[in-house]
PDB file of all heavy atoms in Angstrom:
ATOM      1  N   LEU A   1      22.792 -61.012  18.662  1.00  0.00           N
ATOM      2  CA  LEU A   1      21.797 -61.967  18.183  1.00  0.00           C
ATOM      3  C   LEU A   1      21.321 -62.901  19.287  1.00  0.00           C
ATOM      4  O   LEU A   1      20.202 -63.406  19.226  1.00  0.00           O
ATOM      5  CB  LEU A   1      22.362 -62.788  17.017  1.00  0.00           C
ATOM      6  CG  LEU A   1      22.654 -62.027  15.729  1.00  0.00           C
ATOM      7  CD1 LEU A   1      23.278 -62.962  14.704  1.00  0.00           C
ATOM      8  CD2 LEU A   1      21.412 -61.381  15.189  1.00  0.00           C
ATOM      9  N   VAL A   2      22.158 -63.125  20.284  1.00  0.00           N
ATOM     10  CA  VAL A   2      21.763 -63.974  21.422  1.00  0.00           C
ATOM     11  C   VAL A   2      20.529 -63.385  22.094  1.00  0.00           C
ATOM     12  O   VAL A   2      19.659 -64.115  22.563  1.00  0.00           O
ATOM     13  CB  VAL A   2      22.932 -64.119  22.423  1.00  0.00           C
ATOM     14  CG1 VAL A   2      22.480 -64.819  23.689  1.00  0.00           C
ATOM     15  CG2 VAL A   2      24.096 -64.849  21.792  1.00  0.00           C
ATOM     16  N   PHE A   3      20.418 -62.069  22.123  1.00  0.00           N
ATOM     17  CA  PHE A   3      19.304 -61.411  22.799  1.00  0.00           C
ATOM     18  C   PHE A   3      18.146 -61.084  21.851  1.00  0.00           C
ATOM     19  O   PHE A   3      17.029 -60.863  22.289  1.00  0.00           O
ATOM     20  CB  PHE A   3      19.802 -60.122  23.460  1.00  0.00           C
ATOM     21  CG  PHE A   3      20.928 -60.365  24.409  1.00  0.00           C
ATOM     22  CD1 PHE A   3      22.232 -60.045  24.055  1.00  0.00           C
ATOM     23  CD2 PHE A   3      20.711 -60.958  25.642  1.00  0.00           C
ATOM     24  CE1 PHE A   3      23.282 -60.276  24.919  1.00  0.00           C
ATOM     25  CE2 PHE A   3      21.751 -61.200  26.521  1.00  0.00           C
ATOM     26  CZ  PHE A   3      23.028 -60.866  26.150  1.00  0.00           C
ATOM     27  N   LEU A   4      18.432 -61.035  20.544  1.00  0.00           N
ATOM     28  CA  LEU A   4      17.398 -60.628  19.583  1.00  0.00           C
ATOM     29  C   LEU A   4      16.631 -61.795  18.968  1.00  0.00           C
ATOM     30  O   LEU A   4      15.474 -61.639  18.608  1.00  0.00           O
ATOM     31  CB  LEU A   4      18.036 -59.802  18.472  1.00  0.00           C
ATOM     32  CG  LEU A   4      18.659 -58.477  18.906  1.00  0.00           C
ATOM     33  CD1 LEU A   4      19.350 -57.806  17.739  1.00  0.00           C
ATOM     34  CD2 LEU A   4      17.606 -57.563  19.497  1.00  0.00           C
ATOM     35  N   LEU A   5      17.275 -62.939  18.809  1.00  0.00           N
ATOM     36  CA  LEU A   5      16.622 -64.082  18.176  1.00  0.00           C
ATOM     37  C   LEU A   5      15.946 -64.968  19.209  1.00  0.00           C
ATOM     38  O   LEU A   5      16.302 -64.978  20.381  1.00  0.00           O
ATOM     39  CB  LEU A   5      17.638 -64.901  17.382  1.00  0.00           C
ATOM     40  CG  LEU A   5      18.308 -64.193  16.201  1.00  0.00           C
ATOM     41  CD1 LEU A   5      19.329 -65.095  15.541  1.00  0.00           C
ATOM     42  CD2 LEU A   5      17.265 -63.750  15.185  1.00  0.00           C
ATOM     43  N   ASP A   6      14.952 -65.739  18.722  1.00  0.00           N
ATOM     44  CA  ASP A   6      14.237 -66.657  19.584  1.00  0.00           C
ATOM     45  C   ASP A   6      14.650 -68.101  19.292  1.00  0.00           C
ATOM     46  O   ASP A   6      15.144 -68.417  18.200  1.00  0.00           O
ATOM     47  CB  ASP A   6      12.726 -66.532  19.354  1.00  0.00           C
ATOM     48  CG  ASP A   6      12.181 -65.188  19.808  1.00  0.00           C
ATOM     49  OD1 ASP A   6      12.740 -64.639  20.778  1.00  0.00           O
ATOM     50  OD2 ASP A   6      11.220 -64.704  19.189  1.00  0.00           O
ATOM     51  N   GLY A   7      14.418 -68.961  20.271  1.00  0.00           N
ATOM     52  CA  GLY A   7      14.642 -70.389  20.091  1.00  0.00           C
ATOM     53  C   GLY A   7      16.121 -70.743  19.985  1.00  0.00           C
ATOM     54  O   GLY A   7      16.991 -70.054  20.523  1.00  0.00           O
ATOM     55  N   ASN A   8      16.378 -71.818  19.269  1.00  0.00           N
ATOM     56  CA  ASN A   8      17.762 -72.294  19.130  1.00  0.00           C
ATOM     57  C   ASN A   8      18.608 -71.439  18.197  1.00  0.00           C
ATOM     58  O   ASN A   8      19.826 -71.533  18.211  1.00  0.00           O
ATOM     59  CB  ASN A   8      17.764 -73.743  18.642  1.00  0.00           C
ATOM     60  CG  ASN A   8      17.343 -74.696  19.733  1.00  0.00           C
ATOM     61  OD1 ASN A   8      17.511 -74.410  20.927  1.00  0.00           O
ATOM     62  ND2 ASN A   8      16.784 -75.842  19.343  1.00  0.00           N
ATOM     63  N   ASN A   9      17.980 -70.593  17.389  1.00  0.00           N
ATOM     64  CA  ASN A   9      18.736 -69.727  16.481  1.00  0.00           C
ATOM     65  C   ASN A   9      19.565 -68.692  17.232  1.00  0.00           C
ATOM     66  O   ASN A   9      20.547 -68.187  16.708  1.00  0.00           O
ATOM     67  CB  ASN A   9      17.797 -69.014  15.508  1.00  0.00           C
ATOM     68  CG  ASN A   9      17.242 -69.945  14.466  1.00  0.00           C
ATOM     69  OD1 ASN A   9      17.876 -70.929  14.120  1.00  0.00           O
ATOM     70  ND2 ASN A   9      16.071 -69.645  13.985  1.00  0.00           N
ATOM     71  N   ARG A  10      19.183 -68.398  18.459  1.00  0.00           N
ATOM     72  CA  ARG A  10      19.896 -67.376  19.212  1.00  0.00           C
ATOM     73  C   ARG A  10      21.359 -67.741  19.464  1.00  0.00           C
ATOM     74  O   ARG A  10      22.208 -66.882  19.579  1.00  0.00           O
ATOM     75  CB  ARG A  10      19.198 -67.103  20.537  1.00  0.00           C
ATOM     76  CG  ARG A  10      19.322 -68.249  21.498  1.00  0.00           C
ATOM     77  CD  ARG A  10      18.740 -68.053  22.853  1.00  0.00           C
ATOM     78  NE  ARG A  10      17.765 -67.006  22.875  1.00  0.00           N
ATOM     79  CZ  ARG A  10      17.261 -66.477  23.956  1.00  0.00           C
ATOM     80  NH1 ARG A  10      17.641 -66.933  25.113  1.00  0.00           N
ATOM     81  NH2 ARG A  10      16.392 -65.507  23.914  1.00  0.00           N
ATOM     82  N   TRP A  11      21.661 -69.023  19.510  1.00  0.00           N
ATOM     83  CA  TRP A  11      23.023 -69.451  19.831  1.00  0.00           C
ATOM     84  C   TRP A  11      24.010 -69.171  18.720  1.00  0.00           C
ATOM     85  O   TRP A  11      25.212 -69.221  18.921  1.00  0.00           O
ATOM     86  CB  TRP A  11      23.039 -70.911  20.249  1.00  0.00           C
ATOM     87  CG  TRP A  11      22.135 -71.112  21.432  1.00  0.00           C
ATOM     88  CD1 TRP A  11      21.004 -71.855  21.478  1.00  0.00           C
ATOM     89  CD2 TRP A  11      22.259 -70.498  22.728  1.00  0.00           C
ATOM     90  NE1 TRP A  11      20.423 -71.753  22.724  1.00  0.00           N
ATOM     91  CE2 TRP A  11      21.170 -70.933  23.505  1.00  0.00           C
ATOM     92  CE3 TRP A  11      23.184 -69.632  23.297  1.00  0.00           C
ATOM     93  CZ2 TRP A  11      20.984 -70.526  24.818  1.00  0.00           C
ATOM     94  CZ3 TRP A  11      22.999 -69.235  24.599  1.00  0.00           C
ATOM     95  CH2 TRP A  11      21.909 -69.680  25.351  1.00  0.00           C
ATOM     96  N   TRP A  12      23.507 -68.873  17.521  1.00  0.00           N
ATOM     97  CA  TRP A  12      24.407 -68.485  16.428  1.00  0.00           C
ATOM     98  C   TRP A  12      25.137 -67.184  16.766  1.00  0.00           C
ATOM     99  O   TRP A  12      26.208 -66.910  16.238  1.00  0.00           O
ATOM    100  CB  TRP A  12      23.627 -68.314  15.125  1.00  0.00           C
ATOM    101  CG  TRP A  12      23.286 -69.622  14.488  1.00  0.00           C
ATOM    102  CD1 TRP A  12      22.073 -70.249  14.529  1.00  0.00           C
ATOM    103  CD2 TRP A  12      24.150 -70.468  13.766  1.00  0.00           C
ATOM    104  NE1 TRP A  12      22.157 -71.439  13.848  1.00  0.00           N
ATOM    105  CE2 TRP A  12      23.424 -71.601  13.376  1.00  0.00           C
ATOM    106  CE3 TRP A  12      25.500 -70.376  13.413  1.00  0.00           C
ATOM    107  CZ2 TRP A  12      23.990 -72.631  12.638  1.00  0.00           C
ATOM    108  CZ3 TRP A  12      26.058 -71.414  12.675  1.00  0.00           C
ATOM    109  CH2 TRP A  12      25.310 -72.523  12.306  1.00  0.00           C
ATOM    110  N   GLY A  13      24.580 -66.410  17.658  1.00  0.00           N
ATOM    111  CA  GLY A  13      25.213 -65.169  18.064  1.00  0.00           C
ATOM    112  C   GLY A  13      26.539 -65.367  18.782  1.00  0.00           C
ATOM    113  O   GLY A  13      27.364 -64.455  18.827  1.00  0.00           O
ATOM    114  N   LEU A  14      26.759 -66.553  19.319  1.00  0.00           N
ATOM    115  CA  LEU A  14      28.024 -66.825  20.002  1.00  0.00           C
ATOM    116  C   LEU A  14      29.225 -66.818  19.060  1.00  0.00           C
ATOM    117  O   LEU A  14      30.370 -66.739  19.513  1.00  0.00           O
ATOM    118  CB  LEU A  14      27.951 -68.160  20.754  1.00  0.00           C
ATOM    119  CG  LEU A  14      26.965 -68.189  21.928  1.00  0.00           C
ATOM    120  CD1 LEU A  14      26.940 -69.567  22.552  1.00  0.00           C
ATOM    121  CD2 LEU A  14      27.317 -67.137  22.960  1.00  0.00           C
ATOM    122  N   ILE A  15      28.946 -66.853  17.756  1.00  0.00           N
ATOM    123  CA  ILE A  15      30.032 -66.737  16.776  1.00  0.00           C
ATOM    124  C   ILE A  15      30.751 -65.393  16.963  1.00  0.00           C
ATOM    125  O   ILE A  15      31.921 -65.260  16.643  1.00  0.00           O
ATOM    126  CB  ILE A  15      29.483 -66.877  15.343  1.00  0.00           C
ATOM    127  CG1 ILE A  15      28.982 -68.293  15.133  1.00  0.00           C
ATOM    128  CG2 ILE A  15      30.510 -66.517  14.305  1.00  0.00           C
ATOM    129  CD1 ILE A  15      28.265 -68.525  13.824  1.00  0.00           C
ATOM    130  N   GLY A  16      30.060 -64.419  17.516  1.00  0.00           N
ATOM    131  CA  GLY A  16      30.636 -63.097  17.755  1.00  0.00           C
ATOM    132  C   GLY A  16      31.800 -63.116  18.747  1.00  0.00           C
ATOM    133  O   GLY A  16      32.590 -62.168  18.798  1.00  0.00           O
ATOM    134  N   LEU A  17      31.925 -64.172  19.528  1.00  0.00           N
ATOM    135  CA  LEU A  17      33.044 -64.269  20.468  1.00  0.00           C
ATOM    136  C   LEU A  17      34.385 -64.383  19.745  1.00  0.00           C
ATOM    137  O   LEU A  17      35.409 -63.931  20.246  1.00  0.00           O
ATOM    138  CB  LEU A  17      32.838 -65.451  21.429  1.00  0.00           C
ATOM    139  CG  LEU A  17      31.684 -65.302  22.403  1.00  0.00           C
ATOM    140  CD1 LEU A  17      31.519 -66.594  23.212  1.00  0.00           C
ATOM    141  CD2 LEU A  17      31.897 -64.116  23.325  1.00  0.00           C
ATOM    142  N   GLY A  18      34.382 -64.995  18.558  1.00  0.00           N
ATOM    143  CA  GLY A  18      35.620 -65.151  17.777  1.00  0.00           C
ATOM    144  C   GLY A  18      36.249 -63.816  17.392  1.00  0.00           C
ATOM    145  O   GLY A  18      37.421 -63.561  17.712  1.00  0.00           O
ATOM    146  N   PRO A  19      35.496 -62.949  16.718  1.00  0.00           N
ATOM    147  CA  PRO A  19      36.069 -61.646  16.366  1.00  0.00           C
ATOM    148  C   PRO A  19      36.458 -60.821  17.593  1.00  0.00           C
ATOM    149  O   PRO A  19      37.477 -60.120  17.582  1.00  0.00           O
ATOM    150  CB  PRO A  19      34.951 -60.954  15.584  1.00  0.00           C
ATOM    151  CG  PRO A  19      34.087 -62.044  15.087  1.00  0.00           C
ATOM    152  CD  PRO A  19      34.193 -63.154  16.086  1.00  0.00           C
ATOM    153  N   LEU A  20      35.675 -60.908  18.667  1.00  0.00           N
ATOM    154  CA  LEU A  20      36.014 -60.164  19.880  1.00  0.00           C
ATOM    155  C   LEU A  20      37.313 -60.670  20.485  1.00  0.00           C
ATOM    156  O   LEU A  20      38.176 -59.874  20.886  1.00  0.00           O
ATOM    157  CB  LEU A  20      34.887 -60.244  20.903  1.00  0.00           C
ATOM    158  CG  LEU A  20      33.638 -59.426  20.597  1.00  0.00           C
ATOM    159  CD1 LEU A  20      32.550 -59.716  21.623  1.00  0.00           C
ATOM    160  CD2 LEU A  20      33.967 -57.948  20.590  1.00  0.00           C
ATOM    161  N   LEU A  21      37.465 -61.980  20.546  1.00  0.00           N
ATOM    162  CA  LEU A  21      38.680 -62.562  21.132  1.00  0.00           C
ATOM    163  C   LEU A  21      39.918 -62.169  20.335  1.00  0.00           C
ATOM    164  O   LEU A  21      40.922 -61.736  20.902  1.00  0.00           O
ATOM    165  CB  LEU A  21      38.543 -64.085  21.205  1.00  0.00           C
ATOM    166  CG  LEU A  21      39.713 -64.829  21.825  1.00  0.00           C
ATOM    167  CD1 LEU A  21      39.857 -64.456  23.301  1.00  0.00           C
ATOM    168  CD2 LEU A  21      39.514 -66.321  21.683  1.00  0.00           C
ATOM    169  N   THR A  22      39.824 -62.278  19.003  1.00  0.00           N
ATOM    170  CA  THR A  22      40.987 -61.922  18.181  1.00  0.00           C
ATOM    171  C   THR A  22      41.288 -60.421  18.250  1.00  0.00           C
ATOM    172  O   THR A  22      42.438 -60.012  18.173  1.00  0.00           O
ATOM    173  CB  THR A  22      40.804 -62.358  16.712  1.00  0.00           C
ATOM    174  OG1 THR A  22      39.616 -61.766  16.189  1.00  0.00           O
ATOM    175  CG2 THR A  22      40.728 -63.859  16.599  1.00  0.00           C
ATOM    176  N   ALA A  23      40.245 -59.598  18.396  1.00  0.00           N
ATOM    177  CA  ALA A  23      40.457 -58.145  18.504  1.00  0.00           C
ATOM    178  C   ALA A  23      41.201 -57.804  19.796  1.00  0.00           C
ATOM    179  O   ALA A  23      42.114 -56.975  19.774  1.00  0.00           O
ATOM    180  CB  ALA A  23      39.133 -57.419  18.449  1.00  0.00           C
ATOM    181  N   PHE A  24      40.821 -58.423  20.890  1.00  0.00           N
ATOM    182  CA  PHE A  24      41.458 -58.093  22.161  1.00  0.00           C
ATOM    183  C   PHE A  24      42.851 -58.713  22.295  1.00  0.00           C
ATOM    184  O   PHE A  24      43.723 -58.148  22.936  1.00  0.00           O
ATOM    185  CB  PHE A  24      40.566 -58.480  23.332  1.00  0.00           C
ATOM    186  CG  PHE A  24      39.362 -57.587  23.449  1.00  0.00           C
ATOM    187  CD1 PHE A  24      38.095 -58.088  23.282  1.00  0.00           C
ATOM    188  CD2 PHE A  24      39.505 -56.231  23.683  1.00  0.00           C
ATOM    189  CE1 PHE A  24      36.974 -57.266  23.365  1.00  0.00           C
ATOM    190  CE2 PHE A  24      38.407 -55.386  23.758  1.00  0.00           C
ATOM    191  CZ  PHE A  24      37.135 -55.904  23.606  1.00  0.00           C
ATOM    192  N   LEU A  25      43.083 -59.860  21.653  1.00  0.00           N
ATOM    193  CA  LEU A  25      44.405 -60.468  21.664  1.00  0.00           C
ATOM    194  C   LEU A  25      45.330 -59.839  20.620  1.00  0.00           C
ATOM    195  O   LEU A  25      46.550 -60.010  20.681  1.00  0.00           O
ATOM    196  CB  LEU A  25      44.319 -61.974  21.404  1.00  0.00           C
ATOM    197  CG  LEU A  25      43.659 -62.801  22.498  1.00  0.00           C
ATOM    198  CD1 LEU A  25      43.574 -64.263  22.051  1.00  0.00           C
ATOM    199  CD2 LEU A  25      44.421 -62.692  23.798  1.00  0.00           C
ATOM    200  N   ARG A  26      44.730 -59.136  19.644  1.00  0.00           N
ATOM    201  CA  ARG A  26      45.472 -58.532  18.516  1.00  0.00           C
ATOM    202  C   ARG A  26      46.228 -59.566  17.702  1.00  0.00           C
ATOM    203  O   ARG A  26      47.260 -59.280  17.109  1.00  0.00           O
ATOM    204  CB  ARG A  26      46.397 -57.417  18.989  1.00  0.00           C
ATOM    205  CG  ARG A  26      45.658 -56.260  19.623  1.00  0.00           C
ATOM    206  CD  ARG A  26      46.574 -55.112  19.911  1.00  0.00           C
ATOM    207  NE  ARG A  26      47.059 -54.531  18.673  1.00  0.00           N
ATOM    208  CZ  ARG A  26      46.734 -53.323  18.243  1.00  0.00           C
ATOM    209  NH1 ARG A  26      45.949 -52.573  18.936  1.00  0.00           N
ATOM    210  NH2 ARG A  26      47.221 -52.863  17.116  1.00  0.00           N
ATOM    211  N   PHE A  27      45.723 -60.798  17.715  1.00  0.00           N
ATOM    212  CA  PHE A  27      46.354 -61.888  16.980  1.00  0.00           C
ATOM    213  C   PHE A  27      45.279 -62.743  16.318  1.00  0.00           C
ATOM    214  O   PHE A  27      44.317 -63.141  16.954  1.00  0.00           O
ATOM    215  CB  PHE A  27      47.186 -62.761  17.921  1.00  0.00           C
ATOM    216  CG  PHE A  27      47.809 -63.952  17.248  1.00  0.00           C
ATOM    217  CD1 PHE A  27      48.920 -63.784  16.434  1.00  0.00           C
ATOM    218  CD2 PHE A  27      47.289 -65.213  17.408  1.00  0.00           C
ATOM    219  CE1 PHE A  27      49.486 -64.872  15.793  1.00  0.00           C
ATOM    220  CE2 PHE A  27      47.855 -66.300  16.780  1.00  0.00           C
ATOM    221  CZ  PHE A  27      48.959 -66.144  15.965  1.00  0.00           C
ATOM    222  N   CYS A  28      45.463 -63.014  15.039  1.00  0.00           N
ATOM    223  CA  CYS A  28      44.530 -63.834  14.277  1.00  0.00           C
ATOM    224  C   CYS A  28      45.310 -64.991  13.644  1.00  0.00           C
ATOM    225  O   CYS A  28      46.146 -64.766  12.757  1.00  0.00           O
ATOM    226  CB  CYS A  28      43.851 -62.995  13.203  1.00  0.00           C
ATOM    227  SG  CYS A  28      42.694 -63.922  12.188  1.00  0.00           S
ATOM    228  N   PRO A  29      45.089 -66.236  14.111  1.00  0.00           N
ATOM    229  CA  PRO A  29      45.833 -67.375  13.549  1.00  0.00           C
ATOM    230  C   PRO A  29      45.702 -67.520  12.027  1.00  0.00           C
ATOM    231  O   PRO A  29      46.729 -67.729  11.357  1.00  0.00           O
ATOM    232  CB  PRO A  29      45.246 -68.576  14.287  1.00  0.00           C
ATOM    233  CG  PRO A  29      44.761 -68.025  15.582  1.00  0.00           C
ATOM    234  CD  PRO A  29      44.267 -66.640  15.244  1.00  0.00           C
ATOM    235  N   PRO A  30      44.495 -67.381  11.434  1.00  0.00           N
ATOM    236  CA  PRO A  30      44.442 -67.482   9.969  1.00  0.00           C
ATOM    237  C   PRO A  30      45.281 -66.417   9.261  1.00  0.00           C
ATOM    238  O   PRO A  30      45.853 -66.682   8.203  1.00  0.00           O
ATOM    239  CB  PRO A  30      42.955 -67.305   9.643  1.00  0.00           C
ATOM    240  CG  PRO A  30      42.258 -67.803  10.867  1.00  0.00           C
ATOM    241  CD  PRO A  30      43.144 -67.362  12.007  1.00  0.00           C
ATOM    242  N   TYR A  31      45.371 -65.220   9.823  1.00  0.00           N
ATOM    243  CA  TYR A  31      46.234 -64.196   9.238  1.00  0.00           C
ATOM    244  C   TYR A  31      47.679 -64.665   9.245  1.00  0.00           C
ATOM    245  O   TYR A  31      48.409 -64.459   8.287  1.00  0.00           O
ATOM    246  CB  TYR A  31      46.127 -62.894  10.028  1.00  0.00           C
ATOM    247  CG  TYR A  31      45.008 -61.964   9.616  1.00  0.00           C
ATOM    248  CD1 TYR A  31      43.940 -62.397   8.849  1.00  0.00           C
ATOM    249  CD2 TYR A  31      45.014 -60.640  10.012  1.00  0.00           C
ATOM    250  CE1 TYR A  31      42.915 -61.533   8.494  1.00  0.00           C
ATOM    251  CE2 TYR A  31      44.001 -59.778   9.667  1.00  0.00           C
ATOM    252  CZ  TYR A  31      42.947 -60.229   8.899  1.00  0.00           C
ATOM    253  OH  TYR A  31      41.954 -59.377   8.541  1.00  0.00           O
ATOM    254  N   LYS A  32      48.118 -65.291  10.319  1.00  0.00           N
ATOM    255  CA  LYS A  32      49.496 -65.777  10.410  1.00  0.00           C
ATOM    256  C   LYS A  32      49.747 -66.847   9.351  1.00  0.00           C
ATOM    257  O   LYS A  32      50.763 -66.833   8.669  1.00  0.00           O
ATOM    258  CB  LYS A  32      49.793 -66.322  11.791  1.00  0.00           C
ATOM    259  CG  LYS A  32      51.220 -66.821  11.953  1.00  0.00           C
ATOM    260  CD  LYS A  32      51.575 -66.996  13.386  1.00  0.00           C
ATOM    261  CE  LYS A  32      52.948 -67.564  13.564  1.00  0.00           C
ATOM    262  NZ  LYS A  32      53.999 -66.634  13.291  1.00  0.00           N
ATOM    263  N   TRP A  33      48.811 -67.783   9.198  1.00  0.00           N
ATOM    264  CA  TRP A  33      48.952 -68.869   8.229  1.00  0.00           C
ATOM    265  C   TRP A  33      48.989 -68.341   6.799  1.00  0.00           C
ATOM    266  O   TRP A  33      49.676 -68.896   5.947  1.00  0.00           O
ATOM    267  CB  TRP A  33      47.824 -69.872   8.356  1.00  0.00           C
ATOM    268  CG  TRP A  33      47.698 -70.487   9.725  1.00  0.00           C
ATOM    269  CD1 TRP A  33      48.725 -70.741  10.608  1.00  0.00           C
ATOM    270  CD2 TRP A  33      46.508 -70.885  10.389  1.00  0.00           C
ATOM    271  NE1 TRP A  33      48.222 -71.282  11.777  1.00  0.00           N
ATOM    272  CE2 TRP A  33      46.869 -71.389  11.665  1.00  0.00           C
ATOM    273  CE3 TRP A  33      45.173 -70.884  10.026  1.00  0.00           C
ATOM    274  CZ2 TRP A  33      45.939 -71.874  12.556  1.00  0.00           C
ATOM    275  CZ3 TRP A  33      44.251 -71.372  10.913  1.00  0.00           C
ATOM    276  CH2 TRP A  33      44.626 -71.856  12.168  1.00  0.00           C
ATOM    277  N   LEU A  34      48.246 -67.259   6.545  1.00  0.00           N
ATOM    278  CA  LEU A  34      48.186 -66.689   5.200  1.00  0.00           C
ATOM    279  C   LEU A  34      49.202 -65.590   4.967  1.00  0.00           C
ATOM    280  O   LEU A  34      49.305 -65.037   3.877  1.00  0.00           O
ATOM    281  CB  LEU A  34      46.775 -66.136   4.936  1.00  0.00           C
ATOM    282  CG  LEU A  34      45.651 -67.172   4.923  1.00  0.00           C
ATOM    283  CD1 LEU A  34      44.291 -66.478   4.864  1.00  0.00           C
ATOM    284  CD2 LEU A  34      45.831 -68.135   3.764  1.00  0.00           C
ATOM    285  N   GLY A  35      49.967 -65.240   6.002  1.00  0.00           N
ATOM    286  CA  GLY A  35      50.997 -64.213   5.857  1.00  0.00           C
ATOM    287  C   GLY A  35      50.448 -62.799   5.811  1.00  0.00           C
ATOM    288  O   GLY A  35      51.080 -61.901   5.273  1.00  0.00           O
ATOM    289  N   ILE A  36      49.268 -62.592   6.396  1.00  0.00           N
ATOM    290  CA  ILE A  36      48.635 -61.273   6.403  1.00  0.00           C
ATOM    291  C   ILE A  36      49.004 -60.551   7.695  1.00  0.00           C
ATOM    292  O   ILE A  36      48.985 -61.142   8.763  1.00  0.00           O
ATOM    293  CB  ILE A  36      47.095 -61.390   6.274  1.00  0.00           C
ATOM    294  CG1 ILE A  36      46.735 -62.077   4.970  1.00  0.00           C
ATOM    295  CG2 ILE A  36      46.443 -60.022   6.384  1.00  0.00           C
ATOM    296  CD1 ILE A  36      45.272 -62.448   4.859  1.00  0.00           C
ATOM    297  N   ASP A  37      49.343 -59.286   7.585  1.00  0.00           N
ATOM    298  CA  ASP A  37      49.682 -58.483   8.759  1.00  0.00           C
ATOM    299  C   ASP A  37      49.110 -57.086   8.550  1.00  0.00           C
ATOM    300  O   ASP A  37      49.631 -56.304   7.768  1.00  0.00           O
ATOM    301  CB  ASP A  37      51.195 -58.433   8.934  1.00  0.00           C
ATOM    302  CG  ASP A  37      51.626 -57.725  10.208  1.00  0.00           C
ATOM    303  OD1 ASP A  37      50.751 -57.246  10.950  1.00  0.00           O
ATOM    304  OD2 ASP A  37      52.834 -57.672  10.444  1.00  0.00           O
ATOM    305  N   THR A  38      48.012 -56.770   9.255  1.00  0.00           N
ATOM    306  CA  THR A  38      47.386 -55.460   9.082  1.00  0.00           C
ATOM    307  C   THR A  38      47.979 -54.400   9.996  1.00  0.00           C
ATOM    308  O   THR A  38      47.534 -53.260   9.969  1.00  0.00           O
ATOM    309  CB  THR A  38      45.861 -55.537   9.285  1.00  0.00           C
ATOM    310  OG1 THR A  38      45.591 -56.002  10.600  1.00  0.00           O
ATOM    311  CG2 THR A  38      45.219 -56.448   8.273  1.00  0.00           C
ATOM    312  N   LEU A  39      48.963 -54.767  10.805  1.00  0.00           N
ATOM    313  CA  LEU A  39      49.644 -53.772  11.636  1.00  0.00           C
ATOM    314  C   LEU A  39      50.441 -52.809  10.759  1.00  0.00           C
ATOM    315  O   LEU A  39      50.434 -51.610  10.987  1.00  0.00           O
ATOM    316  CB  LEU A  39      50.592 -54.442  12.632  1.00  0.00           C
ATOM    317  CG  LEU A  39      50.045 -54.658  14.016  1.00  0.00           C
ATOM    318  CD1 LEU A  39      51.063 -55.417  14.855  1.00  0.00           C
ATOM    319  CD2 LEU A  39      49.660 -53.405  14.684  1.00  0.00           C
ATOM    320  N   GLY A  40      51.103 -53.353   9.760  1.00  0.00           N
ATOM    321  CA  GLY A  40      51.840 -52.556   8.786  1.00  0.00           C
ATOM    322  C   GLY A  40      52.685 -51.444   9.363  1.00  0.00           C
ATOM    323  O   GLY A  40      53.633 -51.677  10.093  1.00  0.00           O
ATOM    324  N   LYS A  41      52.318 -50.205   9.088  1.00  0.00           N
ATOM    325  CA  LYS A  41      53.086 -49.035   9.505  1.00  0.00           C
ATOM    326  C   LYS A  41      53.021 -48.806  11.010  1.00  0.00           C
ATOM    327  O   LYS A  41      53.908 -48.185  11.580  1.00  0.00           O
ATOM    328  CB  LYS A  41      52.627 -47.802   8.744  1.00  0.00           C
ATOM    329  CG  LYS A  41      52.916 -47.874   7.286  1.00  0.00           C
ATOM    330  CD  LYS A  41      52.498 -46.624   6.567  1.00  0.00           C
ATOM    331  CE  LYS A  41      52.803 -46.771   5.087  1.00  0.00           C
ATOM    332  NZ  LYS A  41      52.453 -45.595   4.335  1.00  0.00           N
ATOM    333  N   GLU A  42      51.975 -49.311  11.676  1.00  0.00           N
ATOM    334  CA  GLU A  42      51.889 -49.153  13.120  1.00  0.00           C
ATOM    335  C   GLU A  42      53.053 -49.874  13.788  1.00  0.00           C
ATOM    336  O   GLU A  42      53.607 -49.383  14.764  1.00  0.00           O
ATOM    337  CB  GLU A  42      50.569 -49.734  13.644  1.00  0.00           C
ATOM    338  CG  GLU A  42      49.357 -48.973  13.223  1.00  0.00           C
ATOM    339  CD  GLU A  42      48.074 -49.619  13.721  1.00  0.00           C
ATOM    340  OE1 GLU A  42      48.092 -50.136  14.862  1.00  0.00           O
ATOM    341  OE2 GLU A  42      47.110 -49.612  12.962  1.00  0.00           O
ATOM    342  N   LYS A  43      53.415 -51.031  13.251  1.00  0.00           N
ATOM    343  CA  LYS A  43      54.511 -51.805  13.807  1.00  0.00           C
ATOM    344  C   LYS A  43      55.839 -51.069  13.609  1.00  0.00           C
ATOM    345  O   LYS A  43      56.684 -51.027  14.507  1.00  0.00           O
ATOM    346  CB  LYS A  43      54.583 -53.172  13.140  1.00  0.00           C
ATOM    347  CG  LYS A  43      55.571 -54.122  13.788  1.00  0.00           C
ATOM    348  CD  LYS A  43      55.732 -55.418  12.998  1.00  0.00           C
ATOM    349  CE  LYS A  43      54.478 -56.217  12.997  1.00  0.00           C
ATOM    350  NZ  LYS A  43      54.631 -57.537  12.340  1.00  0.00           N
TER     351      LYS A  43
END
């Protein structure tokens, strides 16, 4: 969205950094707080 939108709306695309960061770290703080673990059988 940073590249597709015009004006100040383009900066909303930076929200995409959150999912990317958690995907590469393989850790999601809200999941820990809520007791969610999607690793399951992989672990």
